[in-house]
Amino acid sequence: MLDFAVKMTRAPWTHTRADVDKLRAAGFDDTGVLQITMIAAYFNYINRIADALGVGKD
């Protein structure tokens, strides 16, 4: 799961069906795969907005 999230953060365009298959092999169903993807995407999105606006940089 963490490898999936890291890859999604660093190089999401490189994801393949094999990445999802690894999650399924680890016991995640379609709902779990969707939740992992959405949570990682949300945090990436929020962090990029915060970085662009200089949030926390004083």
C-alpha atoms as a PDB file:
ATOM      1  CA  MET A   1       0.000   0.000   0.000  1.00  0.00           C
ATOM      2  CA  LEU A   2       2.740   2.460   0.892  1.00  0.00           C
ATOM      3  CA  ASP A   3       4.693   1.671  -2.282  1.00  0.00           C
ATOM      4  CA  PHE A   4       1.526   2.406  -4.263  1.00  0.00           C
ATOM      5  CA  ALA A   5       1.028   5.747  -2.478  1.00  0.00           C
ATOM      6  CA  VAL A   6       4.670   6.762  -2.909  1.00  0.00           C
ATOM      7  CA  LYS A   7       4.597   5.902  -6.610  1.00  0.00           C
ATOM      8  CA  MET A   8       1.370   7.843  -6.958  1.00  0.00           C
ATOM      9  CA  THR A   9       3.043  10.851  -5.339  1.00  0.00           C
ATOM     10  CA  ARG A  10       6.318  10.742  -7.238  1.00  0.00           C
ATOM     11  CA  ALA A  11       5.341   9.374 -10.664  1.00  0.00           C
ATOM     12  CA  PRO A  12       1.609   8.689 -10.999  1.00  0.00           C
ATOM     13  CA  TRP A  13       1.843   8.430 -14.800  1.00  0.00           C
ATOM     14  CA  THR A  14       3.875   5.224 -14.376  1.00  0.00           C
ATOM     15  CA  HIS A  15       1.107   3.271 -12.637  1.00  0.00           C
ATOM     16  CA  THR A  16      -0.012   0.130 -14.425  1.00  0.00           C
ATOM     17  CA  ARG A  17      -2.509  -2.620 -13.836  1.00  0.00           C
ATOM     18  CA  ALA A  18       0.309  -4.519 -12.111  1.00  0.00           C
ATOM     19  CA  ASP A  19       0.365  -1.899  -9.331  1.00  0.00           C
ATOM     20  CA  VAL A  20      -3.321  -2.465  -8.658  1.00  0.00           C
ATOM     21  CA  ASP A  21      -2.839  -6.229  -8.877  1.00  0.00           C
ATOM     22  CA  LYS A  22      -0.219  -5.983  -6.098  1.00  0.00           C
ATOM     23  CA  LEU A  23      -2.780  -4.297  -3.870  1.00  0.00           C
ATOM     24  CA  ARG A  24      -5.308  -7.001  -4.646  1.00  0.00           C
ATOM     25  CA  ALA A  25      -2.701  -9.678  -3.877  1.00  0.00           C
ATOM     26  CA  ALA A  26      -2.189  -7.973  -0.504  1.00  0.00           C
ATOM     27  CA  GLY A  27      -5.902  -8.412   0.225  1.00  0.00           C
ATOM     28  CA  PHE A  28      -7.454  -5.138  -0.900  1.00  0.00           C
ATOM     29  CA  ASP A  29     -10.701  -5.292  -2.849  1.00  0.00           C
ATOM     30  CA  ASP A  30     -11.897  -2.685  -5.362  1.00  0.00           C
ATOM     31  CA  THR A  31     -13.224  -0.465  -2.580  1.00  0.00           C
ATOM     32  CA  GLY A  32      -9.896  -0.619  -0.755  1.00  0.00           C
ATOM     33  CA  VAL A  33      -7.953   0.200  -3.924  1.00  0.00           C
ATOM     34  CA  LEU A  34     -10.255   3.156  -4.560  1.00  0.00           C
ATOM     35  CA  GLN A  35      -9.908   4.415  -0.987  1.00  0.00           C
ATOM     36  CA  ILE A  36      -6.106   4.152  -1.057  1.00  0.00           C
ATOM     37  CA  THR A  37      -6.013   6.022  -4.353  1.00  0.00           C
ATOM     38  CA  MET A  38      -8.411   8.762  -3.253  1.00  0.00           C
ATOM     39  CA  ILE A  39      -6.721   9.355   0.103  1.00  0.00           C
ATOM     40  CA  ALA A  40      -3.242   9.550  -1.432  1.00  0.00           C
ATOM     41  CA  ALA A  41      -4.527  11.823  -4.207  1.00  0.00           C
ATOM     42  CA  TYR A  42      -6.285  14.092  -1.717  1.00  0.00           C
ATOM     43  CA  PHE A  43      -3.174  14.540   0.426  1.00  0.00           C
ATOM     44  CA  ASN A  44      -1.051  15.200  -2.656  1.00  0.00           C
ATOM     45  CA  TYR A  45      -3.576  17.791  -3.817  1.00  0.00           C
ATOM     46  CA  ILE A  46      -3.798  19.583  -0.473  1.00  0.00           C
ATOM     47  CA  ASN A  47      -0.027  19.598  -0.006  1.00  0.00           C
ATOM     48  CA  ARG A  48       0.507  21.100  -3.443  1.00  0.00           C
ATOM     49  CA  ILE A  49      -2.013  23.843  -2.742  1.00  0.00           C
ATOM     50  CA  ALA A  50      -0.388  24.589   0.614  1.00  0.00           C
ATOM     51  CA  ASP A  51       3.066  24.680  -0.986  1.00  0.00           C
ATOM     52  CA  ALA A  52       1.878  26.974  -3.784  1.00  0.00           C
ATOM     53  CA  LEU A  53       0.351  29.397  -1.280  1.00  0.00           C
ATOM     54  CA  GLY A  54       3.315  29.272   1.079  1.00  0.00           C
ATOM     55  CA  VAL A  55       1.280  27.884   3.956  1.00  0.00           C
ATOM     56  CA  GLY A  56       3.508  27.391   6.995  1.00  0.00           C
ATOM     57  CA  LYS A  57       6.443  29.253   5.499  1.00  0.00           C
ATOM     58  CA  ASP A  58       7.366  32.211   7.625  1.00  0.00           C
END
